[in-house]
Amino acid sequence: MLGRPLLFAALLALAAPATAVTIYKHVDANGMVSYGDQARPGARVVHVIQPGRGLRDLRSFSRPSTPARLPGRMPRSDAPDERVRLDTLKHAGGHTLRVQNDMFAPVEVELSLDGIGNVSGAPDRAIRWIVPPRSQIRLATLAPRDPDKPMRYTPKLRHALGDPRLRPLPHRYPLPWRGGPFRLTQGANGQYSHFTPKGRHAVDIAMPVGTPIVAARGGVVLHTENDQRGRSPNPGGNQVRILHEDGTMGVYLHLQEGSVRVSEGQRVQAGMPIARSGNTGRSTGPHLHFVVQRNVGLAVESIPFQFNQPVNALPNFAVGGD
């Protein structure tokens, strides 16, 4: 990856001609960001360098809207929320409102406008749409009724991971760990912490720190966190979220720091090692929190599921292992 001084030097060289230069941003399948003056498939325009504008423009352009992710480190915040955003594109005719989805999953969005004044083209009711993975879509184009006066409106965007039109397929999940047998310490509707819509059908399995965790079902890795050491900032600690083909998502929480071995956008198969169990986040002891969730309509909630064997039975592979 180019260092910041080298990146500036390269872009300054692009800015040298007397004509304007268009700078494109490209994000590959692994989430790596690169910039250049060539329009590659999937790239988008992020800046146009005008003759004589020089380094001042480049410095403004080079600051990313979200913190850069260093190799080997995962974001500490709830990244799925950060990577779905509403962009307002201003042009001679007015404003275009566009949603950008940088996730590896479809996202359901709802756009509403409040405090509308001097606006033509505003929707009568909230707009709901499904935005495909790694894509953008125009939701509305607004124009002033009186071109001599400014438009007034306040946009509000709600969103949820997944496509609520999909329905879960019957599936019995293999145990998502190697070793044991281990003990179920809190099941569905557990009064200690399994009483919210997101975790009502979750299970907690007590196991030693470092127990191998495997994918209970194949799919695409949507989100990982890997560098949390203690209880904060994320109550779920280090984690992996995997999208299944029927729109459901398997979520693995409280994983050991630095143990996650899959990356966002990666396709995994059932039984593939993904991490090791830990005791991070708001955990009362070493255990794995496993839950299956889906979008039920602008809300991600847990749903009932079944393992293909009793939790306290010896799994169908050797105790221990990698």
C-alpha atoms as a PDB file:
ATOM      1  CA  MET A   1       0.000   0.000   0.000  1.00  0.00           C
ATOM      2  CA  LEU A   2       1.326   3.465  -0.824  1.00  0.00           C
ATOM      3  CA  GLY A   3       2.284   5.597   2.155  1.00  0.00           C
ATOM      4  CA  ARG A   4       0.590   8.994   2.501  1.00  0.00           C
ATOM      5  CA  PRO A   5       3.587  11.060   1.210  1.00  0.00           C
ATOM      6  CA  LEU A   6       4.028   8.756  -1.770  1.00  0.00           C
ATOM      7  CA  LEU A   7       0.291   8.846  -2.482  1.00  0.00           C
ATOM      8  CA  PHE A   8       0.348  12.645  -2.467  1.00  0.00           C
ATOM      9  CA  ALA A   9       3.337  12.679  -4.813  1.00  0.00           C
ATOM     10  CA  ALA A  10       1.638  10.285  -7.217  1.00  0.00           C
ATOM     11  CA  LEU A  11      -1.576  12.305  -7.278  1.00  0.00           C
ATOM     12  CA  LEU A  12       0.344  15.551  -7.710  1.00  0.00           C
ATOM     13  CA  ALA A  13       1.933  14.058 -10.780  1.00  0.00           C
ATOM     14  CA  LEU A  14      -1.571  13.344 -12.071  1.00  0.00           C
ATOM     15  CA  ALA A  15      -2.570  16.936 -11.388  1.00  0.00           C
ATOM     16  CA  ALA A  16       0.326  18.404 -13.388  1.00  0.00           C
ATOM     17  CA  PRO A  17      -1.382  18.586 -16.839  1.00  0.00           C
ATOM     18  CA  ALA A  18      -3.259  21.725 -17.795  1.00  0.00           C
ATOM     19  CA  THR A  19      -6.567  19.873 -18.055  1.00  0.00           C
ATOM     20  CA  ALA A  20      -8.729  18.606 -15.197  1.00  0.00           C
ATOM     21  CA  VAL A  21      -7.956  15.105 -13.888  1.00  0.00           C
ATOM     22  CA  THR A  22     -10.651  12.794 -12.522  1.00  0.00           C
ATOM     23  CA  ILE A  23      -9.660  10.658  -9.521  1.00  0.00           C
ATOM     24  CA  TYR A  24     -11.441   7.335  -9.012  1.00  0.00           C
ATOM     25  CA  LYS A  25     -11.821   5.256  -5.852  1.00  0.00           C
ATOM     26  CA  HIS A  26     -11.918   1.467  -6.216  1.00  0.00           C
ATOM     27  CA  VAL A  27     -12.713  -1.077  -3.490  1.00  0.00           C
ATOM     28  CA  ASP A  28     -11.833  -4.682  -4.310  1.00  0.00           C
ATOM     29  CA  ALA A  29     -13.550  -7.848  -3.073  1.00  0.00           C
ATOM     30  CA  ASN A  30     -11.406  -7.847   0.082  1.00  0.00           C
ATOM     31  CA  GLY A  31     -12.304  -4.275   0.975  1.00  0.00           C
ATOM     32  CA  MET A  32      -8.932  -2.815  -0.021  1.00  0.00           C
ATOM     33  CA  VAL A  33      -9.153   0.771  -1.272  1.00  0.00           C
ATOM     34  CA  SER A  34      -7.075   2.204  -4.122  1.00  0.00           C
ATOM     35  CA  TYR A  35      -7.105   5.489  -6.030  1.00  0.00           C
ATOM     36  CA  GLY A  36      -6.103   6.368  -9.588  1.00  0.00           C
ATOM     37  CA  ASP A  37      -7.007   8.228 -12.740  1.00  0.00           C
ATOM     38  CA  GLN A  38      -8.307   5.147 -14.592  1.00  0.00           C
ATOM     39  CA  ALA A  39     -11.994   4.179 -14.450  1.00  0.00           C
ATOM     40  CA  ARG A  40     -12.019   0.524 -13.376  1.00  0.00           C
ATOM     41  CA  PRO A  41     -15.184  -1.587 -13.123  1.00  0.00           C
ATOM     42  CA  GLY A  42     -16.994  -0.668  -9.903  1.00  0.00           C
ATOM     43  CA  ALA A  43     -14.912   2.480  -9.313  1.00  0.00           C
ATOM     44  CA  ARG A  44     -16.576   5.779  -8.490  1.00  0.00           C
ATOM     45  CA  VAL A  45     -15.520   9.380  -8.939  1.00  0.00           C
ATOM     46  CA  VAL A  46     -14.312  10.951  -5.698  1.00  0.00           C
ATOM     47  CA  HIS A  47     -12.581  14.101  -6.926  1.00  0.00           C
ATOM     48  CA  VAL A  48     -11.878  16.196  -9.997  1.00  0.00           C
ATOM     49  CA  ILE A  49      -8.589  18.091  -9.822  1.00  0.00           C
ATOM     50  CA  GLN A  50      -8.838  21.415 -11.621  1.00  0.00           C
ATOM     51  CA  PRO A  51      -5.739  23.059 -13.140  1.00  0.00           C
ATOM     52  CA  GLY A  52      -3.850  25.152 -10.626  1.00  0.00           C
ATOM     53  CA  ARG A  53      -5.741  23.846  -7.576  1.00  0.00           C
ATOM     54  CA  GLY A  54      -2.899  21.498  -6.575  1.00  0.00           C
ATOM     55  CA  LEU A  55      -2.048  20.156  -3.138  1.00  0.00           C
ATOM     56  CA  ARG A  56      -4.851  21.846  -1.205  1.00  0.00           C
ATOM     57  CA  ASP A  57      -7.461  19.827  -3.118  1.00  0.00           C
ATOM     58  CA  LEU A  58      -5.455  16.638  -2.774  1.00  0.00           C
ATOM     59  CA  ARG A  59      -5.220  16.944   0.975  1.00  0.00           C
ATOM     60  CA  SER A  60      -8.966  17.404   1.183  1.00  0.00           C
ATOM     61  CA  PHE A  61      -9.500  14.431  -1.098  1.00  0.00           C
ATOM     62  CA  SER A  62      -7.081  12.150   0.714  1.00  0.00           C
ATOM     63  CA  ARG A  63      -8.942  12.229   4.013  1.00  0.00           C
ATOM     64  CA  PRO A  64     -11.302   9.220   4.019  1.00  0.00           C
ATOM     65  CA  SER A  65     -14.834   9.679   5.299  1.00  0.00           C
ATOM     66  CA  THR A  66     -14.329   6.705   7.619  1.00  0.00           C
ATOM     67  CA  PRO A  67     -11.156   5.554   9.386  1.00  0.00           C
ATOM     68  CA  ALA A  68      -8.884   3.398   7.254  1.00  0.00           C
ATOM     69  CA  ARG A  69      -8.702  -0.250   8.308  1.00  0.00           C
ATOM     70  CA  LEU A  70      -5.163  -1.397   8.825  1.00  0.00           C
ATOM     71  CA  PRO A  71      -4.256  -4.917   7.661  1.00  0.00           C
ATOM     72  CA  GLY A  72      -4.837  -7.445  10.418  1.00  0.00           C
ATOM     73  CA  ARG A  73      -7.057  -5.115  12.497  1.00  0.00           C
ATOM     74  CA  MET A  74     -10.818  -5.002  12.578  1.00  0.00           C
ATOM     75  CA  PRO A  75     -13.038  -2.006  13.366  1.00  0.00           C
ATOM     76  CA  ARG A  76     -13.969  -1.656  17.050  1.00  0.00           C
ATOM     77  CA  SER A  77     -17.379  -0.119  16.397  1.00  0.00           C
ATOM     78  CA  ASP A  78     -20.541  -1.639  14.968  1.00  0.00           C
ATOM     79  CA  ALA A  79     -19.230  -1.566  11.419  1.00  0.00           C
ATOM     80  CA  PRO A  80     -22.435  -2.658   9.641  1.00  0.00           C
ATOM     81  CA  ASP A  81     -24.030   0.698  10.583  1.00  0.00           C
ATOM     82  CA  GLU A  82     -21.020   2.671   9.366  1.00  0.00           C
ATOM     83  CA  ARG A  83     -21.047   1.145   5.909  1.00  0.00           C
ATOM     84  CA  VAL A  84     -24.586   2.037   4.881  1.00  0.00           C
ATOM     85  CA  ARG A  85     -24.949   5.759   4.291  1.00  0.00           C
ATOM     86  CA  LEU A  86     -27.052   8.394   2.573  1.00  0.00           C
ATOM     87  CA  ASP A  87     -25.202  10.674   0.145  1.00  0.00           C
ATOM     88  CA  THR A  88     -26.635  14.006  -1.016  1.00  0.00           C
ATOM     89  CA  LEU A  89     -25.393  14.886  -4.503  1.00  0.00           C
ATOM     90  CA  LYS A  90     -25.893  18.565  -5.309  1.00  0.00           C
ATOM     91  CA  HIS A  91     -26.190  19.629  -8.942  1.00  0.00           C
ATOM     92  CA  ALA A  92     -27.652  22.415 -11.061  1.00  0.00           C
ATOM     93  CA  GLY A  93     -31.148  20.903 -10.998  1.00  0.00           C
ATOM     94  CA  GLY A  94     -31.304  20.285  -7.247  1.00  0.00           C
ATOM     95  CA  HIS A  95     -30.304  17.374  -5.007  1.00  0.00           C
ATOM     96  CA  THR A  96     -30.117  13.629  -5.622  1.00  0.00           C
ATOM     97  CA  LEU A  97     -30.398  11.388  -2.540  1.00  0.00           C
ATOM     98  CA  ARG A  98     -28.444   8.174  -2.966  1.00  0.00           C
ATOM     99  CA  VAL A  99     -27.836   5.242  -0.623  1.00  0.00           C
ATOM    100  CA  GLN A 100     -24.423   3.555  -0.641  1.00  0.00           C
ATOM    101  CA  ASN A 101     -24.231  -0.014   0.691  1.00  0.00           C
ATOM    102  CA  ASP A 102     -20.644  -1.129   1.290  1.00  0.00           C
ATOM    103  CA  MET A 103     -21.673  -4.362   3.023  1.00  0.00           C
ATOM    104  CA  PHE A 104     -21.324  -7.870   1.557  1.00  0.00           C
ATOM    105  CA  ALA A 105     -25.064  -8.373   2.128  1.00  0.00           C
ATOM    106  CA  PRO A 106     -28.271  -6.795   0.863  1.00  0.00           C
ATOM    107  CA  VAL A 107     -29.628  -4.047   3.086  1.00  0.00           C
ATOM    108  CA  GLU A 108     -33.217  -2.902   3.538  1.00  0.00           C
ATOM    109  CA  VAL A 109     -33.459   0.888   3.744  1.00  0.00           C
ATOM    110  CA  GLU A 110     -36.190   3.376   4.499  1.00  0.00           C
ATOM    111  CA  LEU A 111     -35.836   7.059   3.584  1.00  0.00           C
ATOM    112  CA  SER A 112     -38.185   9.713   4.952  1.00  0.00           C
ATOM    113  CA  LEU A 113     -38.068  13.514   4.698  1.00  0.00           C
ATOM    114  CA  ASP A 114     -39.151  15.920   7.444  1.00  0.00           C
ATOM    115  CA  GLY A 115     -39.442  19.709   7.571  1.00  0.00           C
ATOM    116  CA  ILE A 116     -40.014  19.989   3.827  1.00  0.00           C
ATOM    117  CA  GLY A 117     -40.097  23.468   2.325  1.00  0.00           C
ATOM    118  CA  ASN A 118     -39.706  24.733  -1.255  1.00  0.00           C
ATOM    119  CA  VAL A 119     -39.151  21.168  -2.476  1.00  0.00           C
ATOM    120  CA  SER A 120     -40.510  19.485  -5.579  1.00  0.00           C
ATOM    121  CA  GLY A 121     -40.201  15.723  -5.995  1.00  0.00           C
ATOM    122  CA  ALA A 122     -40.395  14.823  -2.288  1.00  0.00           C
ATOM    123  CA  PRO A 123     -42.099  11.433  -1.752  1.00  0.00           C
ATOM    124  CA  ASP A 124     -45.544  11.411  -0.121  1.00  0.00           C
ATOM    125  CA  ARG A 125     -44.483   8.600   2.198  1.00  0.00           C
ATOM    126  CA  ALA A 126     -41.265   6.901   3.301  1.00  0.00           C
ATOM    127  CA  ILE A 127     -39.405   5.048   0.541  1.00  0.00           C
ATOM    128  CA  ARG A 128     -38.401   1.452   1.276  1.00  0.00           C
ATOM    129  CA  TRP A 129     -35.956  -0.429  -0.928  1.00  0.00           C
ATOM    130  CA  ILE A 130     -33.584  -3.382  -0.921  1.00  0.00           C
ATOM    131  CA  VAL A 131     -30.055  -2.292  -1.842  1.00  0.00           C
ATOM    132  CA  PRO A 132     -27.898  -5.179  -3.176  1.00  0.00           C
ATOM    133  CA  PRO A 133     -24.462  -5.897  -1.685  1.00  0.00           C
ATOM    134  CA  ARG A 134     -21.642  -3.463  -2.515  1.00  0.00           C
ATOM    135  CA  SER A 135     -23.851  -1.172  -4.558  1.00  0.00           C
ATOM    136  CA  GLN A 136     -25.621   2.172  -4.600  1.00  0.00           C
ATOM    137  CA  ILE A 137     -29.089   3.271  -5.621  1.00  0.00           C
ATOM    138  CA  ARG A 138     -30.844   6.592  -6.199  1.00  0.00           C
ATOM    139  CA  LEU A 139     -33.902   6.986  -3.989  1.00  0.00           C
ATOM    140  CA  ALA A 140     -35.069  10.512  -4.831  1.00  0.00           C
ATOM    141  CA  THR A 141     -34.243  13.616  -6.855  1.00  0.00           C
ATOM    142  CA  LEU A 142     -35.394  16.923  -5.385  1.00  0.00           C
ATOM    143  CA  ALA A 143     -35.696  20.322  -7.058  1.00  0.00           C
ATOM    144  CA  PRO A 144     -36.614  23.765  -5.664  1.00  0.00           C
ATOM    145  CA  ARG A 145     -40.125  25.010  -6.438  1.00  0.00           C
ATOM    146  CA  ASP A 146     -38.702  28.529  -6.432  1.00  0.00           C
ATOM    147  CA  PRO A 147     -35.155  28.436  -7.899  1.00  0.00           C
ATOM    148  CA  ASP A 148     -34.318  31.699  -6.119  1.00  0.00           C
ATOM    149  CA  LYS A 149     -34.898  30.209  -2.656  1.00  0.00           C
ATOM    150  CA  PRO A 150     -33.109  27.343  -0.887  1.00  0.00           C
ATOM    151  CA  MET A 151     -34.746  23.974  -0.358  1.00  0.00           C
ATOM    152  CA  ARG A 152     -35.491  22.896   3.218  1.00  0.00           C
ATOM    153  CA  TYR A 153     -35.736  19.274   4.314  1.00  0.00           C
ATOM    154  CA  THR A 154     -34.274  16.867   6.852  1.00  0.00           C
ATOM    155  CA  PRO A 155     -33.589  13.327   5.556  1.00  0.00           C
ATOM    156  CA  LYS A 156     -33.812  10.326   7.870  1.00  0.00           C
ATOM    157  CA  LEU A 157     -32.433   6.932   6.847  1.00  0.00           C
ATOM    158  CA  ARG A 158     -33.221   3.675   8.618  1.00  0.00           C
ATOM    159  CA  HIS A 159     -31.698   0.378   7.562  1.00  0.00           C
ATOM    160  CA  ALA A 160     -31.303  -3.253   8.521  1.00  0.00           C
ATOM    161  CA  LEU A 161     -29.018  -6.005   7.271  1.00  0.00           C
ATOM    162  CA  GLY A 162     -30.567  -8.652   5.052  1.00  0.00           C
ATOM    163  CA  ASP A 163     -33.497  -9.077   2.699  1.00  0.00           C
ATOM    164  CA  PRO A 164     -36.801  -9.539   4.600  1.00  0.00           C
ATOM    165  CA  ARG A 165     -38.430 -11.080   1.519  1.00  0.00           C
ATOM    166  CA  LEU A 166     -36.362 -14.261   1.985  1.00  0.00           C
ATOM    167  CA  ARG A 167     -37.729 -17.025   4.189  1.00  0.00           C
ATOM    168  CA  PRO A 168     -35.562 -19.368   6.294  1.00  0.00           C
ATOM    169  CA  LEU A 169     -35.122 -22.879   4.919  1.00  0.00           C
ATOM    170  CA  PRO A 170     -35.329 -25.913   7.224  1.00  0.00           C
ATOM    171  CA  HIS A 171     -31.842 -26.558   8.571  1.00  0.00           C
ATOM    172  CA  ARG A 172     -30.347 -28.467  11.508  1.00  0.00           C
ATOM    173  CA  TYR A 173     -27.054 -26.920  12.537  1.00  0.00           C
ATOM    174  CA  PRO A 174     -23.951 -28.999  13.356  1.00  0.00           C
ATOM    175  CA  LEU A 175     -22.332 -27.965  16.629  1.00  0.00           C
ATOM    176  CA  PRO A 176     -20.135 -24.923  15.873  1.00  0.00           C
ATOM    177  CA  TRP A 177     -17.109 -26.055  17.871  1.00  0.00           C
ATOM    178  CA  ARG A 178     -14.603 -28.865  18.095  1.00  0.00           C
ATOM    179  CA  GLY A 179     -14.098 -30.714  21.344  1.00  0.00           C
ATOM    180  CA  GLY A 180     -16.289 -31.205  24.362  1.00  0.00           C
ATOM    181  CA  PRO A 181     -18.769 -32.272  25.420  1.00  0.00           C
ATOM    182  CA  PHE A 182     -19.628 -28.842  26.816  1.00  0.00           C
ATOM    183  CA  ARG A 183     -22.505 -27.542  28.919  1.00  0.00           C
ATOM    184  CA  LEU A 184     -25.396 -25.299  27.848  1.00  0.00           C
ATOM    185  CA  THR A 185     -25.369 -22.457  30.394  1.00  0.00           C
ATOM    186  CA  GLN A 186     -28.182 -20.290  28.970  1.00  0.00           C
ATOM    187  CA  GLY A 187     -30.687 -21.184  26.319  1.00  0.00           C
ATOM    188  CA  ALA A 188     -33.527 -19.507  24.453  1.00  0.00           C
ATOM    189  CA  ASN A 189     -35.514 -16.984  26.527  1.00  0.00           C
ATOM    190  CA  GLY A 190     -32.843 -17.051  29.237  1.00  0.00           C
ATOM    191  CA  GLN A 191     -33.719 -14.449  31.860  1.00  0.00           C
ATOM    192  CA  TYR A 192     -30.128 -13.303  32.378  1.00  0.00           C
ATOM    193  CA  SER A 193     -29.531 -11.830  28.916  1.00  0.00           C
ATOM    194  CA  HIS A 194     -31.565 -13.737  26.287  1.00  0.00           C
ATOM    195  CA  PHE A 195     -34.747 -11.681  26.437  1.00  0.00           C
ATOM    196  CA  THR A 196     -34.252  -9.058  23.703  1.00  0.00           C
ATOM    197  CA  PRO A 197     -35.457  -9.535  20.110  1.00  0.00           C
ATOM    198  CA  LYS A 198     -31.859  -9.879  18.857  1.00  0.00           C
ATOM    199  CA  GLY A 199     -30.925 -12.581  21.367  1.00  0.00           C
ATOM    200  CA  ARG A 200     -34.142 -14.258  22.455  1.00  0.00           C
ATOM    201  CA  HIS A 201     -33.269 -17.560  20.726  1.00  0.00           C
ATOM    202  CA  ALA A 202     -29.509 -17.531  21.398  1.00  0.00           C
ATOM    203  CA  VAL A 203     -27.569 -20.202  23.261  1.00  0.00           C
ATOM    204  CA  ASP A 204     -24.516 -19.868  25.528  1.00  0.00           C
ATOM    205  CA  ILE A 205     -22.124 -22.811  25.674  1.00  0.00           C
ATOM    206  CA  ALA A 206     -19.473 -22.835  28.422  1.00  0.00           C
ATOM    207  CA  MET A 207     -16.069 -23.892  27.063  1.00  0.00           C
ATOM    208  CA  PRO A 208     -12.393 -23.171  27.744  1.00  0.00           C
ATOM    209  CA  VAL A 209     -10.794 -20.150  26.141  1.00  0.00           C
ATOM    210  CA  GLY A 210      -9.114 -21.235  22.897  1.00  0.00           C
ATOM    211  CA  THR A 211     -11.644 -23.898  21.909  1.00  0.00           C
ATOM    212  CA  PRO A 212     -11.779 -24.133  18.075  1.00  0.00           C
ATOM    213  CA  ILE A 213     -14.929 -22.529  16.652  1.00  0.00           C
ATOM    214  CA  VAL A 214     -16.156 -23.656  13.224  1.00  0.00           C
ATOM    215  CA  ALA A 215     -18.857 -22.385  10.873  1.00  0.00           C
ATOM    216  CA  ALA A 216     -22.148 -24.091  11.664  1.00  0.00           C
ATOM    217  CA  ARG A 217     -23.361 -23.320   8.147  1.00  0.00           C
ATOM    218  CA  GLY A 218     -21.769 -22.115   4.929  1.00  0.00           C
ATOM    219  CA  GLY A 219     -22.113 -18.575   3.650  1.00  0.00           C
ATOM    220  CA  VAL A 220     -20.399 -15.214   3.248  1.00  0.00           C
ATOM    221  CA  VAL A 221     -18.618 -13.471   6.117  1.00  0.00           C
ATOM    222  CA  LEU A 222     -20.331 -10.113   6.656  1.00  0.00           C
ATOM    223  CA  HIS A 223     -18.576  -8.706   9.694  1.00  0.00           C
ATOM    224  CA  THR A 224     -15.688  -9.545  12.002  1.00  0.00           C
ATOM    225  CA  GLU A 225     -14.146  -8.007  15.094  1.00  0.00           C
ATOM    226  CA  ASN A 226     -10.828  -9.356  16.274  1.00  0.00           C
ATOM    227  CA  ASP A 227      -8.913  -6.885  18.472  1.00  0.00           C
ATOM    228  CA  GLN A 228     -11.020  -6.412  21.608  1.00  0.00           C
ATOM    229  CA  ARG A 229      -9.241  -7.453  24.763  1.00  0.00           C
ATOM    230  CA  GLY A 230     -11.751  -6.947  27.558  1.00  0.00           C
ATOM    231  CA  ARG A 231     -15.376  -5.987  28.229  1.00  0.00           C
ATOM    232  CA  SER A 232     -15.535  -2.885  26.066  1.00  0.00           C
ATOM    233  CA  PRO A 233     -16.254  -1.233  23.725  1.00  0.00           C
ATOM    234  CA  ASN A 234     -18.467  -3.923  22.166  1.00  0.00           C
ATOM    235  CA  PRO A 235     -20.617  -5.981  24.574  1.00  0.00           C
ATOM    236  CA  GLY A 236     -20.443  -8.930  22.157  1.00  0.00           C
ATOM    237  CA  GLY A 237     -16.652  -8.854  22.187  1.00  0.00           C
ATOM    238  CA  ASN A 238     -14.803 -10.251  19.207  1.00  0.00           C
ATOM    239  CA  GLN A 239     -17.215 -11.789  16.729  1.00  0.00           C
ATOM    240  CA  VAL A 240     -18.027 -13.232  13.319  1.00  0.00           C
ATOM    241  CA  ARG A 241     -21.282 -12.780  11.378  1.00  0.00           C
ATOM    242  CA  ILE A 242     -22.004 -15.100   8.409  1.00  0.00           C
ATOM    243  CA  LEU A 243     -24.816 -14.645   5.867  1.00  0.00           C
ATOM    244  CA  HIS A 244     -26.480 -17.911   4.754  1.00  0.00           C
ATOM    245  CA  GLU A 245     -28.098 -18.525   1.376  1.00  0.00           C
ATOM    246  CA  ASP A 246     -31.637 -18.192   2.765  1.00  0.00           C
ATOM    247  CA  GLY A 247     -30.968 -14.731   4.215  1.00  0.00           C
ATOM    248  CA  THR A 248     -30.411 -15.889   7.791  1.00  0.00           C
ATOM    249  CA  MET A 249     -27.209 -14.978   9.618  1.00  0.00           C
ATOM    250  CA  GLY A 250     -25.154 -16.993  12.090  1.00  0.00           C
ATOM    251  CA  VAL A 251     -23.487 -14.864  14.769  1.00  0.00           C
ATOM    252  CA  TYR A 252     -20.605 -16.034  16.975  1.00  0.00           C
ATOM    253  CA  LEU A 253     -19.740 -13.794  19.968  1.00  0.00           C
ATOM    254  CA  HIS A 254     -17.167 -13.411  22.781  1.00  0.00           C
ATOM    255  CA  LEU A 255     -14.304 -14.830  20.683  1.00  0.00           C
ATOM    256  CA  GLN A 256     -10.665 -14.807  21.735  1.00  0.00           C
ATOM    257  CA  GLU A 257      -8.670 -11.710  20.839  1.00  0.00           C
ATOM    258  CA  GLY A 258      -6.664 -12.163  17.639  1.00  0.00           C
ATOM    259  CA  SER A 259      -8.150 -15.596  16.898  1.00  0.00           C
ATOM    260  CA  VAL A 260     -10.513 -14.713  14.020  1.00  0.00           C
ATOM    261  CA  ARG A 261      -9.138 -16.332  10.871  1.00  0.00           C
ATOM    262  CA  VAL A 262     -11.726 -15.323   8.268  1.00  0.00           C
ATOM    263  CA  SER A 263     -12.200 -11.965   6.561  1.00  0.00           C
ATOM    264  CA  GLU A 264     -15.210  -9.940   5.462  1.00  0.00           C
ATOM    265  CA  GLY A 265     -16.416 -10.982   2.031  1.00  0.00           C
ATOM    266  CA  GLN A 266     -14.887 -14.452   2.310  1.00  0.00           C
ATOM    267  CA  ARG A 267     -17.047 -17.478   1.471  1.00  0.00           C
ATOM    268  CA  VAL A 268     -16.866 -20.254   4.058  1.00  0.00           C
ATOM    269  CA  GLN A 269     -18.149 -23.818   4.219  1.00  0.00           C
ATOM    270  CA  ALA A 270     -19.790 -25.601   7.150  1.00  0.00           C
ATOM    271  CA  GLY A 271     -17.141 -27.012   9.478  1.00  0.00           C
ATOM    272  CA  MET A 272     -14.472 -24.517   8.400  1.00  0.00           C
ATOM    273  CA  PRO A 273     -12.460 -23.081  11.345  1.00  0.00           C
ATOM    274  CA  ILE A 274     -13.300 -19.407  11.849  1.00  0.00           C
ATOM    275  CA  ALA A 275     -11.929 -18.485  15.303  1.00  0.00           C
ATOM    276  CA  ARG A 276     -11.367 -19.653  18.881  1.00  0.00           C
ATOM    277  CA  SER A 277     -13.694 -19.172  21.821  1.00  0.00           C
ATOM    278  CA  GLY A 278     -12.919 -16.517  24.373  1.00  0.00           C
ATOM    279  CA  ASN A 279     -14.213 -14.374  27.212  1.00  0.00           C
ATOM    280  CA  THR A 280     -14.424 -10.911  25.634  1.00  0.00           C
ATOM    281  CA  GLY A 281     -17.223  -8.354  25.859  1.00  0.00           C
ATOM    282  CA  ARG A 282     -19.826  -8.511  28.596  1.00  0.00           C
ATOM    283  CA  SER A 283     -19.190 -12.155  29.252  1.00  0.00           C
ATOM    284  CA  THR A 284     -19.652 -13.689  32.696  1.00  0.00           C
ATOM    285  CA  GLY A 285     -17.158 -16.448  31.890  1.00  0.00           C
ATOM    286  CA  PRO A 286     -15.516 -18.262  28.979  1.00  0.00           C
ATOM    287  CA  HIS A 287     -18.215 -19.327  26.542  1.00  0.00           C
ATOM    288  CA  LEU A 288     -19.539 -19.136  22.997  1.00  0.00           C
ATOM    289  CA  HIS A 289     -22.718 -17.157  22.319  1.00  0.00           C
ATOM    290  CA  PHE A 290     -24.330 -18.466  19.125  1.00  0.00           C
ATOM    291  CA  VAL A 291     -27.486 -17.100  17.561  1.00  0.00           C
ATOM    292  CA  VAL A 292     -29.275 -17.192  14.198  1.00  0.00           C
ATOM    293  CA  GLN A 293     -30.848 -13.930  13.063  1.00  0.00           C
ATOM    294  CA  ARG A 294     -32.778 -12.537  10.095  1.00  0.00           C
ATOM    295  CA  ASN A 295     -34.263  -9.253   8.915  1.00  0.00           C
ATOM    296  CA  VAL A 296     -37.949  -9.344   9.840  1.00  0.00           C
ATOM    297  CA  GLY A 297     -38.665  -5.910   8.310  1.00  0.00           C
ATOM    298  CA  LEU A 298     -36.235  -3.091   9.138  1.00  0.00           C
ATOM    299  CA  ALA A 299     -35.173  -5.012  12.226  1.00  0.00           C
ATOM    300  CA  VAL A 300     -32.697  -7.857  12.730  1.00  0.00           C
ATOM    301  CA  GLU A 301     -34.049 -10.380  15.234  1.00  0.00           C
ATOM    302  CA  SER A 302     -33.122 -13.844  16.435  1.00  0.00           C
ATOM    303  CA  ILE A 303     -35.118 -16.826  15.210  1.00  0.00           C
ATOM    304  CA  PRO A 304     -35.532 -20.383  16.551  1.00  0.00           C
ATOM    305  CA  PHE A 305     -33.047 -22.988  15.321  1.00  0.00           C
ATOM    306  CA  GLN A 306     -31.991 -26.531  16.188  1.00  0.00           C
ATOM    307  CA  PHE A 307     -28.641 -28.278  16.472  1.00  0.00           C
ATOM    308  CA  ASN A 308     -28.401 -31.684  14.813  1.00  0.00           C
ATOM    309  CA  GLN A 309     -27.481 -33.349  18.132  1.00  0.00           C
ATOM    310  CA  PRO A 310     -27.769 -32.613  21.858  1.00  0.00           C
ATOM    311  CA  VAL A 311     -25.306 -29.981  23.045  1.00  0.00           C
ATOM    312  CA  ASN A 312     -23.911 -32.140  25.839  1.00  0.00           C
ATOM    313  CA  ALA A 313     -23.286 -35.105  23.515  1.00  0.00           C
ATOM    314  CA  LEU A 314     -19.784 -35.817  22.198  1.00  0.00           C
ATOM    315  CA  PRO A 315     -19.426 -34.244  18.722  1.00  0.00           C
ATOM    316  CA  ASN A 316     -18.738 -36.414  15.700  1.00  0.00           C
ATOM    317  CA  PHE A 317     -15.009 -35.631  15.704  1.00  0.00           C
ATOM    318  CA  ALA A 318     -12.065 -36.050  18.033  1.00  0.00           C
ATOM    319  CA  VAL A 319     -11.863 -34.064  21.260  1.00  0.00           C
ATOM    320  CA  GLY A 320      -9.518 -31.117  20.874  1.00  0.00           C
ATOM    321  CA  GLY A 321      -7.725 -30.440  17.612  1.00  0.00           C
ATOM    322  CA  ASP A 322      -7.043 -27.228  15.729  1.00  0.00           C
END
